[in-house]
Amino acid sequence: GAKTIVSATDITEQKRTQRLASMGQMAAHLAHEIRNPVGSVAILASTLHSMVGENIRPVVDEIKKSIWRVERIIKATLLFTKGAPIKKSPFELNTLEDELRSSIGKYSYSKDVEFRFFLPNATINGDLELISMVMQNLLFNAIDAIEDAREDNGLICVTMSENENFYFLRVEDSGAPIADKAMLFDPFKTTKTKGNGLGLALSLQIAAAHGGKITIEEPKAFVLSVSKAI
């Protein structure tokens, strides 16, 4: 009878999918378990902030920033493992800019980074929370790239362009170049010392749910496309 030839790539892809599924279940379980104690620590840190003197407040602020990052990772993990359901509604780009500026304030970094936003006064139809999460991931990657570069300071520009089918949200940075583009989007692997590899894998899922994708442009920019089709 006819022989069925199964290529090695099919098997590795299958194994990879199974591995991701079981790791995803584990990650979801961990995220649920971690959520409550982290919530308690967040409440305690806020209480502590109002009780301590001026000289200790910066320490409590750093604790709060770290907790915010852990909560974000938990949220991202749960979204990724559930397969992100999206709730589209029109939102203003200046609302997105406010959210991004606020999240930068909660991220810890040591260099002098300048942020320039050139977002027009426009409305996009999409899930604000999820698009904001993708843009935050791209911003944090850009900050980390500047942290990894030789220079003491850096510049990050956020811009938007469009054609008849898509909006393009672009995050460009002056930081270190991307070493391994293929590995970049593989969840649970990361080239960074900070964070987990979930960021960009989740971002790809969210982009796909918006009929778009994430592309890497030379010299150094990430572009999120969002479909204009409702």
N, C-alpha and C. Protein backbone atom coordinates (compact mmCIF):
# COMPACT_ATOMS: atom_id res chain seq x y z
N GLY A 1 0.84 -1.20 0.00
CA GLY A 1 0.00 0.00 0.00
C GLY A 1 0.87 1.24 0.00
N ALA A 2 0.23 2.38 -0.18
CA ALA A 2 0.96 3.66 -0.21
C ALA A 2 1.57 3.97 1.15
N LYS A 3 2.79 4.41 1.11
CA LYS A 3 3.47 4.74 2.36
C LYS A 3 3.14 6.18 2.76
N THR A 4 2.95 6.37 4.02
CA THR A 4 2.74 7.74 4.49
C THR A 4 4.08 8.26 5.02
N ILE A 5 4.50 9.35 4.47
CA ILE A 5 5.76 9.92 4.94
C ILE A 5 5.45 11.11 5.84
N VAL A 6 5.92 11.00 7.07
CA VAL A 6 5.74 12.11 8.00
C VAL A 6 7.08 12.80 8.16
N SER A 7 7.12 14.07 7.83
CA SER A 7 8.42 14.75 7.91
C SER A 7 8.74 15.07 9.37
N ALA A 8 10.03 15.19 9.63
CA ALA A 8 10.50 15.47 10.99
C ALA A 8 9.93 16.79 11.52
N THR A 9 9.73 17.74 10.61
CA THR A 9 9.23 19.05 11.07
C THR A 9 7.83 18.91 11.67
N ASP A 10 7.01 18.04 11.07
CA ASP A 10 5.64 17.83 11.61
C ASP A 10 5.71 17.31 13.03
N ILE A 11 6.61 16.36 13.27
CA ILE A 11 6.73 15.75 14.60
C ILE A 11 7.22 16.78 15.61
N THR A 12 8.26 17.53 15.23
CA THR A 12 8.79 18.52 16.18
C THR A 12 7.76 19.60 16.45
N GLU A 13 7.00 19.97 15.41
CA GLU A 13 5.95 20.98 15.59
C GLU A 13 4.88 20.45 16.55
N GLN A 14 4.52 19.16 16.36
CA GLN A 14 3.53 18.51 17.22
C GLN A 14 4.03 18.47 18.68
N LYS A 15 5.29 18.06 18.83
CA LYS A 15 5.88 17.99 20.17
C LYS A 15 5.91 19.37 20.81
N ARG A 16 6.26 20.36 19.99
CA ARG A 16 6.36 21.73 20.48
C ARG A 16 4.99 22.21 20.97
N THR A 17 3.96 21.89 20.18
CA THR A 17 2.59 22.29 20.55
C THR A 17 2.17 21.62 21.85
N GLN A 18 2.47 20.31 21.96
CA GLN A 18 2.13 19.59 23.20
C GLN A 18 2.88 20.16 24.39
N ARG A 19 4.18 20.47 24.15
CA ARG A 19 5.00 21.02 25.22
C ARG A 19 4.42 22.36 25.68
N LEU A 20 4.05 23.18 24.70
CA LEU A 20 3.48 24.49 25.03
C LEU A 20 2.18 24.34 25.80
N ALA A 21 1.35 23.36 25.39
CA ALA A 21 0.06 23.15 26.06
C ALA A 21 0.27 22.75 27.51
N SER A 22 1.19 21.81 27.76
CA SER A 22 1.39 21.37 29.14
C SER A 22 2.08 22.46 29.96
N MET A 23 3.03 23.19 29.33
CA MET A 23 3.66 24.30 30.03
C MET A 23 2.64 25.40 30.31
N GLY A 24 1.74 25.57 29.37
CA GLY A 24 0.68 26.57 29.52
C GLY A 24 -0.22 26.26 30.71
N GLN A 25 -0.59 24.97 30.85
CA GLN A 25 -1.43 24.56 31.99
C GLN A 25 -0.69 24.79 33.30
N MET A 26 0.58 24.44 33.31
CA MET A 26 1.42 24.63 34.49
C MET A 26 1.51 26.12 34.83
N ALA A 27 1.74 26.92 33.78
CA ALA A 27 1.87 28.37 33.97
C ALA A 27 0.57 28.96 34.52
N ALA A 28 -0.56 28.49 33.99
CA ALA A 28 -1.87 28.98 34.44
C ALA A 28 -2.09 28.63 35.91
N HIS A 29 -1.72 27.40 36.25
CA HIS A 29 -1.87 26.95 37.64
C HIS A 29 -1.01 27.81 38.57
N LEU A 30 0.24 28.01 38.18
CA LEU A 30 1.15 28.84 38.97
C LEU A 30 0.62 30.26 39.12
N ALA A 31 0.16 30.82 37.99
CA ALA A 31 -0.34 32.20 38.00
C ALA A 31 -1.50 32.34 38.99
N HIS A 32 -2.42 31.37 38.98
CA HIS A 32 -3.55 31.39 39.92
C HIS A 32 -3.07 31.33 41.37
N GLU A 33 -2.11 30.43 41.61
CA GLU A 33 -1.59 30.25 42.97
C GLU A 33 -0.88 31.51 43.47
N ILE A 34 -0.13 32.15 42.56
CA ILE A 34 0.68 33.31 42.95
C ILE A 34 -0.18 34.56 43.12
N ARG A 35 -1.29 34.61 42.40
CA ARG A 35 -2.11 35.82 42.36
C ARG A 35 -2.52 36.33 43.74
N ASN A 36 -3.02 35.43 44.61
CA ASN A 36 -3.51 35.88 45.93
C ASN A 36 -2.43 36.43 46.84
N PRO A 37 -1.32 35.68 47.07
CA PRO A 37 -0.28 36.27 47.91
C PRO A 37 0.29 37.58 47.35
N VAL A 38 0.40 37.67 46.02
CA VAL A 38 0.91 38.91 45.42
C VAL A 38 -0.07 40.06 45.66
N GLY A 39 -1.36 39.74 45.57
CA GLY A 39 -2.39 40.75 45.87
C GLY A 39 -2.27 41.26 47.30
N SER A 40 -2.01 40.35 48.23
CA SER A 40 -1.82 40.74 49.64
C SER A 40 -0.61 41.64 49.81
N VAL A 41 0.49 41.26 49.15
CA VAL A 41 1.71 42.07 49.24
C VAL A 41 1.46 43.47 48.67
N ALA A 42 0.70 43.54 47.58
CA ALA A 42 0.38 44.84 46.97
C ALA A 42 -0.38 45.73 47.95
N ILE A 43 -1.37 45.16 48.65
CA ILE A 43 -2.16 45.92 49.62
C ILE A 43 -1.26 46.37 50.78
N LEU A 44 -0.41 45.46 51.26
CA LEU A 44 0.50 45.78 52.36
C LEU A 44 1.48 46.89 51.96
N ALA A 45 1.98 46.83 50.73
CA ALA A 45 2.93 47.84 50.25
C ALA A 45 2.26 49.22 50.20
N SER A 46 0.99 49.25 49.75
CA SER A 46 0.26 50.53 49.70
C SER A 46 0.04 51.08 51.11
N THR A 47 -0.28 50.19 52.05
CA THR A 47 -0.48 50.60 53.45
C THR A 47 0.83 51.14 54.01
N LEU A 48 1.91 50.42 53.73
CA LEU A 48 3.23 50.80 54.22
C LEU A 48 3.64 52.18 53.69
N HIS A 49 3.29 52.43 52.44
CA HIS A 49 3.65 53.69 51.78
C HIS A 49 3.12 54.89 52.57
N SER A 50 1.92 54.75 53.11
CA SER A 50 1.32 55.87 53.85
C SER A 50 1.85 55.96 55.28
N MET A 51 2.52 54.91 55.75
CA MET A 51 2.99 54.88 57.14
C MET A 51 4.44 55.31 57.32
N VAL A 52 5.26 55.16 56.26
CA VAL A 52 6.69 55.40 56.44
C VAL A 52 7.09 56.84 56.12
N GLY A 53 8.28 57.21 56.58
CA GLY A 53 8.79 58.57 56.34
C GLY A 53 9.30 58.73 54.91
N GLU A 54 9.56 59.99 54.55
CA GLU A 54 10.00 60.34 53.20
C GLU A 54 11.21 59.54 52.73
N ASN A 55 12.17 59.28 53.64
CA ASN A 55 13.41 58.62 53.23
C ASN A 55 13.22 57.15 52.86
N ILE A 56 12.14 56.53 53.38
CA ILE A 56 11.91 55.10 53.09
C ILE A 56 10.93 54.92 51.92
N ARG A 57 10.20 55.99 51.60
CA ARG A 57 9.19 55.88 50.52
C ARG A 57 9.74 55.38 49.18
N PRO A 58 10.93 55.86 48.74
CA PRO A 58 11.46 55.36 47.46
C PRO A 58 11.62 53.84 47.45
N VAL A 59 11.98 53.26 48.59
CA VAL A 59 12.13 51.80 48.69
C VAL A 59 10.76 51.13 48.48
N VAL A 60 9.74 51.69 49.14
CA VAL A 60 8.39 51.14 49.01
C VAL A 60 7.90 51.31 47.56
N ASP A 61 8.26 52.43 46.93
CA ASP A 61 7.89 52.65 45.52
C ASP A 61 8.49 51.57 44.62
N GLU A 62 9.75 51.21 44.87
CA GLU A 62 10.39 50.16 44.08
C GLU A 62 9.70 48.81 44.31
N ILE A 63 9.29 48.56 45.55
CA ILE A 63 8.55 47.32 45.86
C ILE A 63 7.24 47.32 45.06
N LYS A 64 6.55 48.46 45.04
CA LYS A 64 5.28 48.56 44.31
C LYS A 64 5.48 48.34 42.81
N LYS A 65 6.57 48.88 42.27
CA LYS A 65 6.87 48.68 40.84
C LYS A 65 7.09 47.20 40.54
N SER A 66 7.84 46.54 41.42
CA SER A 66 8.11 45.11 41.21
C SER A 66 6.83 44.29 41.28
N ILE A 67 5.96 44.64 42.24
CA ILE A 67 4.68 43.93 42.37
C ILE A 67 3.84 44.14 41.11
N TRP A 68 3.85 45.37 40.60
CA TRP A 68 3.09 45.68 39.39
C TRP A 68 3.56 44.79 38.24
N ARG A 69 4.88 44.59 38.15
CA ARG A 69 5.42 43.73 37.09
C ARG A 69 5.00 42.28 37.26
N VAL A 70 5.00 41.81 38.51
CA VAL A 70 4.57 40.42 38.77
C VAL A 70 3.09 40.27 38.40
N GLU A 71 2.27 41.25 38.79
CA GLU A 71 0.83 41.19 38.48
C GLU A 71 0.60 41.18 36.97
N ARG A 72 1.42 41.95 36.26
CA ARG A 72 1.32 42.01 34.81
C ARG A 72 1.67 40.65 34.19
N ILE A 73 2.72 40.01 34.71
CA ILE A 73 3.13 38.70 34.20
C ILE A 73 2.02 37.67 34.45
N ILE A 74 1.40 37.75 35.64
CA ILE A 74 0.30 36.84 35.98
C ILE A 74 -0.86 37.03 34.98
N LYS A 75 -1.21 38.30 34.77
CA LYS A 75 -2.32 38.62 33.87
C LYS A 75 -2.02 38.12 32.45
N ALA A 76 -0.79 38.39 31.98
CA ALA A 76 -0.38 37.97 30.64
C ALA A 76 -0.39 36.45 30.51
N THR A 77 0.08 35.78 31.55
CA THR A 77 0.13 34.31 31.53
C THR A 77 -1.27 33.73 31.42
N LEU A 78 -2.19 34.27 32.22
CA LEU A 78 -3.57 33.76 32.20
C LEU A 78 -4.23 34.05 30.85
N LEU A 79 -3.96 35.23 30.30
CA LEU A 79 -4.50 35.56 28.98
C LEU A 79 -3.97 34.61 27.93
N PHE A 80 -2.66 34.37 27.98
CA PHE A 80 -2.00 33.54 26.97
C PHE A 80 -2.52 32.11 27.01
N THR A 81 -2.70 31.58 28.23
CA THR A 81 -3.10 30.18 28.35
C THR A 81 -4.58 29.98 28.06
N LYS A 82 -5.38 31.06 28.21
CA LYS A 82 -6.82 30.92 27.89
C LYS A 82 -7.07 31.14 26.41
N GLY A 83 -6.11 31.76 25.72
CA GLY A 83 -6.36 32.18 24.35
C GLY A 83 -7.17 33.46 24.45
N ALA A 84 -6.52 34.58 24.19
CA ALA A 84 -7.11 35.88 24.53
C ALA A 84 -8.42 36.16 23.81
N PRO A 85 -9.54 36.26 24.57
CA PRO A 85 -10.78 36.71 23.93
C PRO A 85 -10.71 38.24 23.82
N ILE A 86 -11.10 38.79 22.67
CA ILE A 86 -10.96 40.24 22.56
C ILE A 86 -12.30 40.96 22.56
N LYS A 87 -12.30 42.12 23.20
CA LYS A 87 -13.51 42.96 23.26
C LYS A 87 -13.18 44.24 22.52
N LYS A 88 -13.65 44.32 21.28
CA LYS A 88 -13.32 45.50 20.47
C LYS A 88 -14.29 46.64 20.72
N SER A 89 -13.74 47.83 20.89
CA SER A 89 -14.57 49.04 20.85
C SER A 89 -13.66 50.20 20.48
N PRO A 90 -14.23 51.27 19.92
CA PRO A 90 -13.38 52.38 19.49
C PRO A 90 -12.71 53.07 20.68
N PHE A 91 -11.43 53.40 20.54
CA PHE A 91 -10.74 54.17 21.58
C PHE A 91 -9.81 55.20 20.95
N GLU A 92 -9.59 56.27 21.68
CA GLU A 92 -8.73 57.35 21.21
C GLU A 92 -7.26 56.97 21.42
N LEU A 93 -6.41 57.37 20.48
CA LEU A 93 -4.98 57.08 20.63
C LEU A 93 -4.37 57.81 21.82
N ASN A 94 -4.95 59.00 22.19
CA ASN A 94 -4.38 59.69 23.35
C ASN A 94 -4.67 58.94 24.65
N THR A 95 -5.75 58.13 24.68
CA THR A 95 -6.02 57.27 25.85
C THR A 95 -4.92 56.21 25.94
N LEU A 96 -4.56 55.64 24.78
CA LEU A 96 -3.49 54.64 24.74
C LEU A 96 -2.18 55.28 25.20
N GLU A 97 -1.90 56.49 24.71
CA GLU A 97 -0.66 57.18 25.10
C GLU A 97 -0.60 57.39 26.61
N ASP A 98 -1.71 57.81 27.21
CA ASP A 98 -1.76 58.00 28.68
C ASP A 98 -1.42 56.71 29.41
N GLU A 99 -2.01 55.59 28.95
CA GLU A 99 -1.75 54.29 29.58
C GLU A 99 -0.28 53.90 29.45
N LEU A 100 0.29 54.15 28.27
CA LEU A 100 1.69 53.78 28.04
C LEU A 100 2.63 54.63 28.90
N ARG A 101 2.35 55.92 28.97
CA ARG A 101 3.19 56.81 29.80
C ARG A 101 3.12 56.38 31.26
N SER A 102 1.91 56.01 31.70
CA SER A 102 1.73 55.58 33.08
C SER A 102 2.51 54.29 33.35
N SER A 103 2.49 53.35 32.38
CA SER A 103 3.19 52.07 32.58
C SER A 103 4.71 52.25 32.59
N ILE A 104 5.21 53.22 31.82
CA ILE A 104 6.66 53.51 31.82
C ILE A 104 7.08 53.93 33.23
N GLY A 105 6.21 54.69 33.89
CA GLY A 105 6.49 55.15 35.25
C GLY A 105 6.57 54.01 36.26
N LYS A 106 6.01 52.85 35.90
CA LYS A 106 6.01 51.70 36.81
C LYS A 106 7.11 50.70 36.47
N TYR A 107 7.90 51.01 35.44
CA TYR A 107 8.95 50.09 35.00
C TYR A 107 10.30 50.59 35.52
N SER A 108 11.11 49.68 36.06
CA SER A 108 12.41 50.09 36.61
C SER A 108 13.51 50.01 35.55
N TYR A 109 14.25 51.09 35.38
CA TYR A 109 15.42 51.09 34.49
C TYR A 109 16.38 52.16 34.98
N SER A 110 17.65 52.00 34.61
CA SER A 110 18.67 52.87 35.22
C SER A 110 19.20 53.96 34.29
N LYS A 111 19.01 53.81 32.98
CA LYS A 111 19.60 54.79 32.06
C LYS A 111 18.67 55.98 31.82
N ASP A 112 19.21 56.98 31.16
CA ASP A 112 18.44 58.18 30.84
C ASP A 112 17.75 57.94 29.50
N VAL A 113 16.48 57.59 29.55
CA VAL A 113 15.75 57.26 28.31
C VAL A 113 14.74 58.37 28.00
N GLU A 114 14.79 58.85 26.77
CA GLU A 114 13.82 59.86 26.35
C GLU A 114 12.72 59.18 25.54
N PHE A 115 11.46 59.50 25.86
CA PHE A 115 10.32 58.92 25.15
C PHE A 115 9.65 60.01 24.33
N ARG A 116 9.47 59.74 23.05
CA ARG A 116 8.74 60.70 22.20
C ARG A 116 7.54 60.00 21.59
N PHE A 117 6.36 60.57 21.84
CA PHE A 117 5.13 60.03 21.27
C PHE A 117 4.66 60.95 20.16
N PHE A 118 4.48 60.40 18.96
CA PHE A 118 3.94 61.19 17.85
C PHE A 118 2.64 60.51 17.38
N LEU A 119 1.66 60.44 18.28
CA LEU A 119 0.42 59.76 17.91
C LEU A 119 -0.62 60.80 17.53
N PRO A 120 -1.23 60.66 16.34
CA PRO A 120 -2.22 61.64 15.91
C PRO A 120 -3.50 61.53 16.73
N ASN A 121 -4.35 62.52 16.57
CA ASN A 121 -5.63 62.53 17.28
C ASN A 121 -6.60 61.63 16.50
N ALA A 122 -6.45 60.30 16.68
CA ALA A 122 -7.25 59.37 15.88
C ALA A 122 -7.93 58.33 16.76
N THR A 123 -8.92 57.65 16.19
CA THR A 123 -9.65 56.60 16.90
C THR A 123 -9.39 55.26 16.23
N ILE A 124 -9.10 54.25 17.04
CA ILE A 124 -8.86 52.89 16.53
C ILE A 124 -9.92 51.98 17.12
N ASN A 125 -10.37 51.00 16.32
CA ASN A 125 -11.31 50.02 16.85
C ASN A 125 -10.54 48.77 17.26
N GLY A 126 -10.55 48.48 18.56
CA GLY A 126 -9.81 47.31 19.03
C GLY A 126 -9.97 47.16 20.53
N ASP A 127 -9.28 46.18 21.09
CA ASP A 127 -9.34 45.95 22.53
C ASP A 127 -8.24 46.79 23.17
N LEU A 128 -8.64 47.91 23.79
CA LEU A 128 -7.67 48.86 24.35
C LEU A 128 -6.72 48.18 25.33
N GLU A 129 -7.26 47.36 26.23
CA GLU A 129 -6.43 46.74 27.25
C GLU A 129 -5.36 45.84 26.63
N LEU A 130 -5.77 45.03 25.64
CA LEU A 130 -4.84 44.10 25.02
C LEU A 130 -3.82 44.81 24.12
N ILE A 131 -4.28 45.81 23.36
CA ILE A 131 -3.35 46.57 22.51
C ILE A 131 -2.35 47.32 23.39
N SER A 132 -2.86 47.83 24.51
CA SER A 132 -1.99 48.53 25.46
C SER A 132 -0.93 47.56 26.00
N MET A 133 -1.34 46.32 26.27
CA MET A 133 -0.40 45.33 26.79
C MET A 133 0.70 45.01 25.76
N VAL A 134 0.31 44.89 24.50
CA VAL A 134 1.29 44.64 23.43
C VAL A 134 2.27 45.81 23.34
N MET A 135 1.72 47.03 23.31
CA MET A 135 2.57 48.22 23.18
C MET A 135 3.50 48.37 24.39
N GLN A 136 2.99 48.01 25.58
CA GLN A 136 3.85 48.04 26.77
C GLN A 136 5.00 47.04 26.62
N ASN A 137 4.68 45.84 26.14
CA ASN A 137 5.73 44.83 25.91
C ASN A 137 6.79 45.35 24.96
N LEU A 138 6.34 46.01 23.87
CA LEU A 138 7.28 46.53 22.89
C LEU A 138 8.12 47.66 23.49
N LEU A 139 7.47 48.50 24.31
CA LEU A 139 8.20 49.58 25.00
C LEU A 139 9.23 49.04 25.97
N PHE A 140 8.82 48.02 26.75
CA PHE A 140 9.74 47.46 27.75
C PHE A 140 10.91 46.75 27.08
N ASN A 141 10.64 46.09 25.94
CA ASN A 141 11.73 45.48 25.17
C ASN A 141 12.70 46.55 24.69
N ALA A 142 12.13 47.69 24.27
CA ALA A 142 12.96 48.80 23.79
C ALA A 142 13.81 49.37 24.93
N ILE A 143 13.20 49.52 26.12
CA ILE A 143 13.94 50.01 27.29
C ILE A 143 15.08 49.04 27.62
N ASP A 144 14.76 47.74 27.63
CA ASP A 144 15.78 46.72 27.94
C ASP A 144 16.92 46.75 26.93
N ALA A 145 16.58 47.00 25.66
CA ALA A 145 17.62 47.06 24.61
C ALA A 145 18.55 48.25 24.85
N ILE A 146 17.97 49.36 25.34
CA ILE A 146 18.80 50.53 25.66
C ILE A 146 19.65 50.24 26.89
N GLU A 147 19.08 49.54 27.86
CA GLU A 147 19.84 49.15 29.06
C GLU A 147 21.04 48.27 28.67
N ASP A 148 20.83 47.42 27.63
CA ASP A 148 21.89 46.49 27.20
C ASP A 148 22.92 47.14 26.28
N ALA A 149 22.64 48.35 25.80
CA ALA A 149 23.56 49.01 24.86
C ALA A 149 24.69 49.70 25.62
N ARG A 150 25.72 50.13 24.87
CA ARG A 150 26.89 50.75 25.51
C ARG A 150 26.60 52.18 25.98
N GLU A 151 25.74 52.88 25.25
CA GLU A 151 25.50 54.30 25.57
C GLU A 151 24.78 54.46 26.92
N ASP A 152 24.98 55.64 27.51
CA ASP A 152 24.35 55.92 28.81
C ASP A 152 22.92 56.40 28.68
N ASN A 153 22.54 56.78 27.46
CA ASN A 153 21.17 57.25 27.29
C ASN A 153 20.58 56.67 26.00
N GLY A 154 19.28 56.89 25.83
CA GLY A 154 18.63 56.31 24.66
C GLY A 154 17.37 57.06 24.30
N LEU A 155 16.85 56.76 23.12
CA LEU A 155 15.64 57.41 22.63
C LEU A 155 14.66 56.34 22.15
N ILE A 156 13.40 56.50 22.54
CA ILE A 156 12.34 55.61 22.06
C ILE A 156 11.24 56.47 21.44
N CYS A 157 10.88 56.16 20.22
CA CYS A 157 9.82 56.92 19.53
C CYS A 157 8.63 56.01 19.26
N VAL A 158 7.44 56.51 19.55
CA VAL A 158 6.20 55.77 19.27
C VAL A 158 5.42 56.57 18.24
N THR A 159 5.17 55.95 17.09
CA THR A 159 4.48 56.65 16.01
C THR A 159 3.35 55.79 15.45
N MET A 160 2.46 56.40 14.67
CA MET A 160 1.42 55.63 14.00
C MET A 160 1.34 56.06 12.55
N SER A 161 1.16 55.08 11.67
CA SER A 161 0.86 55.39 10.28
C SER A 161 -0.29 54.47 9.87
N GLU A 162 -0.84 54.68 8.70
CA GLU A 162 -1.97 53.82 8.27
C GLU A 162 -2.00 53.72 6.76
N ASN A 163 -2.63 52.65 6.28
CA ASN A 163 -3.01 52.59 4.87
C ASN A 163 -4.50 52.27 4.86
N GLU A 164 -5.07 51.87 3.73
CA GLU A 164 -6.53 51.70 3.72
C GLU A 164 -7.01 50.50 4.55
N ASN A 165 -6.11 49.53 4.81
CA ASN A 165 -6.53 48.32 5.54
C ASN A 165 -6.05 48.24 6.99
N PHE A 166 -4.94 48.90 7.31
CA PHE A 166 -4.33 48.72 8.63
C PHE A 166 -3.88 50.02 9.28
N TYR A 167 -3.87 49.98 10.61
CA TYR A 167 -3.13 50.97 11.38
C TYR A 167 -1.80 50.32 11.74
N PHE A 168 -0.73 51.09 11.75
CA PHE A 168 0.59 50.57 12.13
C PHE A 168 1.12 51.35 13.33
N LEU A 169 1.23 50.67 14.46
CA LEU A 169 1.77 51.30 15.66
C LEU A 169 3.23 50.87 15.78
N ARG A 170 4.12 51.86 15.82
CA ARG A 170 5.55 51.57 15.68
C ARG A 170 6.33 52.02 16.91
N VAL A 171 7.17 51.13 17.42
CA VAL A 171 8.04 51.47 18.55
C VAL A 171 9.49 51.31 18.08
N GLU A 172 10.18 52.45 18.02
CA GLU A 172 11.56 52.44 17.51
C GLU A 172 12.51 52.82 18.64
N ASP A 173 13.65 52.12 18.73
CA ASP A 173 14.57 52.47 19.80
C ASP A 173 16.01 52.52 19.32
N SER A 174 16.84 53.21 20.09
CA SER A 174 18.25 53.38 19.73
C SER A 174 19.13 52.34 20.43
N GLY A 175 18.49 51.28 20.96
CA GLY A 175 19.20 50.29 21.78
C GLY A 175 19.97 49.24 21.00
N ALA A 176 20.41 48.23 21.74
CA ALA A 176 21.21 47.15 21.17
C ALA A 176 20.40 46.41 20.10
N PRO A 177 21.06 45.97 19.01
CA PRO A 177 20.34 45.24 17.95
C PRO A 177 19.82 43.89 18.43
N ILE A 178 18.86 43.34 17.68
CA ILE A 178 18.27 42.06 18.07
C ILE A 178 19.19 40.93 17.61
N ALA A 179 19.61 40.10 18.56
CA ALA A 179 20.57 39.03 18.25
C ALA A 179 19.91 37.89 17.48
N ASP A 180 18.80 37.36 18.01
CA ASP A 180 18.19 36.18 17.42
C ASP A 180 16.70 36.41 17.20
N LYS A 181 16.36 36.79 15.97
CA LYS A 181 14.96 37.14 15.67
C LYS A 181 14.01 35.95 15.82
N ALA A 182 14.49 34.75 15.46
CA ALA A 182 13.62 33.56 15.51
C ALA A 182 13.22 33.23 16.94
N MET A 183 14.17 33.37 17.85
CA MET A 183 13.94 32.99 19.24
C MET A 183 13.04 34.00 19.95
N LEU A 184 12.97 35.19 19.36
CA LEU A 184 12.27 36.30 19.99
C LEU A 184 10.82 35.99 20.34
N PHE A 185 10.15 35.25 19.45
CA PHE A 185 8.71 35.04 19.63
C PHE A 185 8.36 33.69 20.24
N ASP A 186 9.40 32.94 20.67
CA ASP A 186 9.14 31.63 21.25
C ASP A 186 8.83 31.77 22.74
N PRO A 187 7.59 31.40 23.16
CA PRO A 187 7.28 31.58 24.57
C PRO A 187 8.17 30.70 25.44
N PHE A 188 8.38 31.12 26.67
CA PHE A 188 9.17 30.39 27.66
C PHE A 188 10.67 30.38 27.36
N LYS A 189 11.07 31.06 26.29
CA LYS A 189 12.50 31.24 26.06
C LYS A 189 12.71 32.73 26.05
N THR A 190 13.80 33.19 26.57
CA THR A 190 14.06 34.61 26.49
C THR A 190 15.56 34.85 26.47
N THR A 191 15.96 35.87 25.71
CA THR A 191 17.38 36.21 25.65
C THR A 191 17.68 37.24 26.73
N LYS A 192 16.62 37.77 27.33
CA LYS A 192 16.80 38.83 28.32
C LYS A 192 16.99 38.23 29.69
N THR A 193 17.67 38.99 30.55
CA THR A 193 17.79 38.55 31.93
C THR A 193 16.50 38.90 32.66
N LYS A 194 15.85 39.95 32.18
CA LYS A 194 14.59 40.38 32.81
C LYS A 194 13.42 39.71 32.10
N GLY A 195 12.31 39.61 32.79
CA GLY A 195 11.06 39.22 32.13
C GLY A 195 11.00 37.75 31.75
N ASN A 196 9.90 37.37 31.11
CA ASN A 196 9.81 36.00 30.59
C ASN A 196 9.47 36.09 29.11
N GLY A 197 9.70 35.02 28.38
CA GLY A 197 9.49 35.04 26.94
C GLY A 197 8.02 35.08 26.53
N LEU A 198 7.14 35.22 27.52
CA LEU A 198 5.70 35.25 27.20
C LEU A 198 5.30 36.52 26.47
N GLY A 199 6.02 37.60 26.74
CA GLY A 199 5.61 38.90 26.22
C GLY A 199 5.29 38.93 24.74
N LEU A 200 6.29 38.54 23.92
CA LEU A 200 6.09 38.67 22.48
C LEU A 200 5.20 37.57 21.91
N ALA A 201 5.23 36.38 22.50
CA ALA A 201 4.35 35.31 22.03
C ALA A 201 2.88 35.71 22.26
N LEU A 202 2.61 36.26 23.44
CA LEU A 202 1.26 36.74 23.74
C LEU A 202 0.91 37.91 22.81
N SER A 203 1.87 38.78 22.58
CA SER A 203 1.65 39.93 21.70
C SER A 203 1.26 39.48 20.29
N LEU A 204 1.91 38.41 19.80
CA LEU A 204 1.58 37.87 18.48
C LEU A 204 0.14 37.37 18.43
N GLN A 205 -0.27 36.70 19.51
CA GLN A 205 -1.65 36.19 19.59
C GLN A 205 -2.65 37.34 19.56
N ILE A 206 -2.35 38.37 20.32
CA ILE A 206 -3.25 39.53 20.39
C ILE A 206 -3.31 40.24 19.04
N ALA A 207 -2.14 40.36 18.38
CA ALA A 207 -2.10 40.98 17.06
C ALA A 207 -2.95 40.19 16.08
N ALA A 208 -2.80 38.86 16.11
CA ALA A 208 -3.57 37.99 15.20
C ALA A 208 -5.07 38.13 15.45
N ALA A 209 -5.45 38.27 16.73
CA ALA A 209 -6.87 38.43 17.07
C ALA A 209 -7.41 39.76 16.54
N HIS A 210 -6.52 40.71 16.27
CA HIS A 210 -6.92 42.00 15.68
C HIS A 210 -6.70 42.01 14.16
N GLY A 211 -6.51 40.81 13.59
CA GLY A 211 -6.33 40.70 12.13
C GLY A 211 -4.99 41.27 11.67
N GLY A 212 -4.05 41.40 12.62
CA GLY A 212 -2.76 41.99 12.26
C GLY A 212 -1.61 41.10 12.65
N LYS A 213 -0.42 41.69 12.72
CA LYS A 213 0.77 40.93 13.10
C LYS A 213 1.79 41.88 13.69
N ILE A 214 2.93 41.32 14.10
CA ILE A 214 4.02 42.16 14.58
C ILE A 214 5.21 41.91 13.68
N THR A 215 5.78 42.98 13.16
CA THR A 215 6.93 42.82 12.28
C THR A 215 8.11 43.58 12.87
N ILE A 216 9.31 43.15 12.47
CA ILE A 216 10.52 43.81 12.93
C ILE A 216 11.08 44.57 11.74
N GLU A 217 11.34 45.85 11.94
CA GLU A 217 11.89 46.67 10.86
C GLU A 217 13.31 47.07 11.19
N GLU A 218 14.13 47.15 10.16
CA GLU A 218 15.49 47.67 10.36
C GLU A 218 15.40 49.20 10.33
N PRO A 219 16.28 49.95 10.98
CA PRO A 219 17.36 49.47 11.82
C PRO A 219 16.87 48.86 13.13
N LYS A 220 15.82 49.39 13.76
CA LYS A 220 15.46 48.82 15.04
C LYS A 220 14.06 49.29 15.44
N ALA A 221 13.06 48.61 14.93
CA ALA A 221 11.69 48.98 15.31
C ALA A 221 10.79 47.76 15.28
N PHE A 222 9.82 47.77 16.18
CA PHE A 222 8.76 46.75 16.18
C PHE A 222 7.49 47.44 15.71
N VAL A 223 6.73 46.77 14.85
CA VAL A 223 5.51 47.38 14.33
C VAL A 223 4.32 46.44 14.57
N LEU A 224 3.31 46.96 15.25
CA LEU A 224 2.06 46.21 15.47
C LEU A 224 1.05 46.72 14.46
N SER A 225 0.50 45.79 13.64
CA SER A 225 -0.54 46.21 12.71
C SER A 225 -1.90 45.78 13.25
N VAL A 226 -2.88 46.66 13.09
CA VAL A 226 -4.26 46.39 13.54
C VAL A 226 -5.17 46.59 12.35
N SER A 227 -5.96 45.57 12.03
CA SER A 227 -6.84 45.64 10.86
C SER A 227 -7.95 46.67 11.07
N LYS A 228 -8.30 47.37 10.00
CA LYS A 228 -9.39 48.36 10.06
C LYS A 228 -10.75 47.69 9.86
N ALA A 229 -10.74 46.43 9.40
CA ALA A 229 -12.01 45.73 9.19
C ALA A 229 -12.66 45.49 10.55
N ILE A 230 -13.94 45.78 10.67
CA ILE A 230 -14.63 45.60 11.97
C ILE A 230 -14.87 44.12 12.20
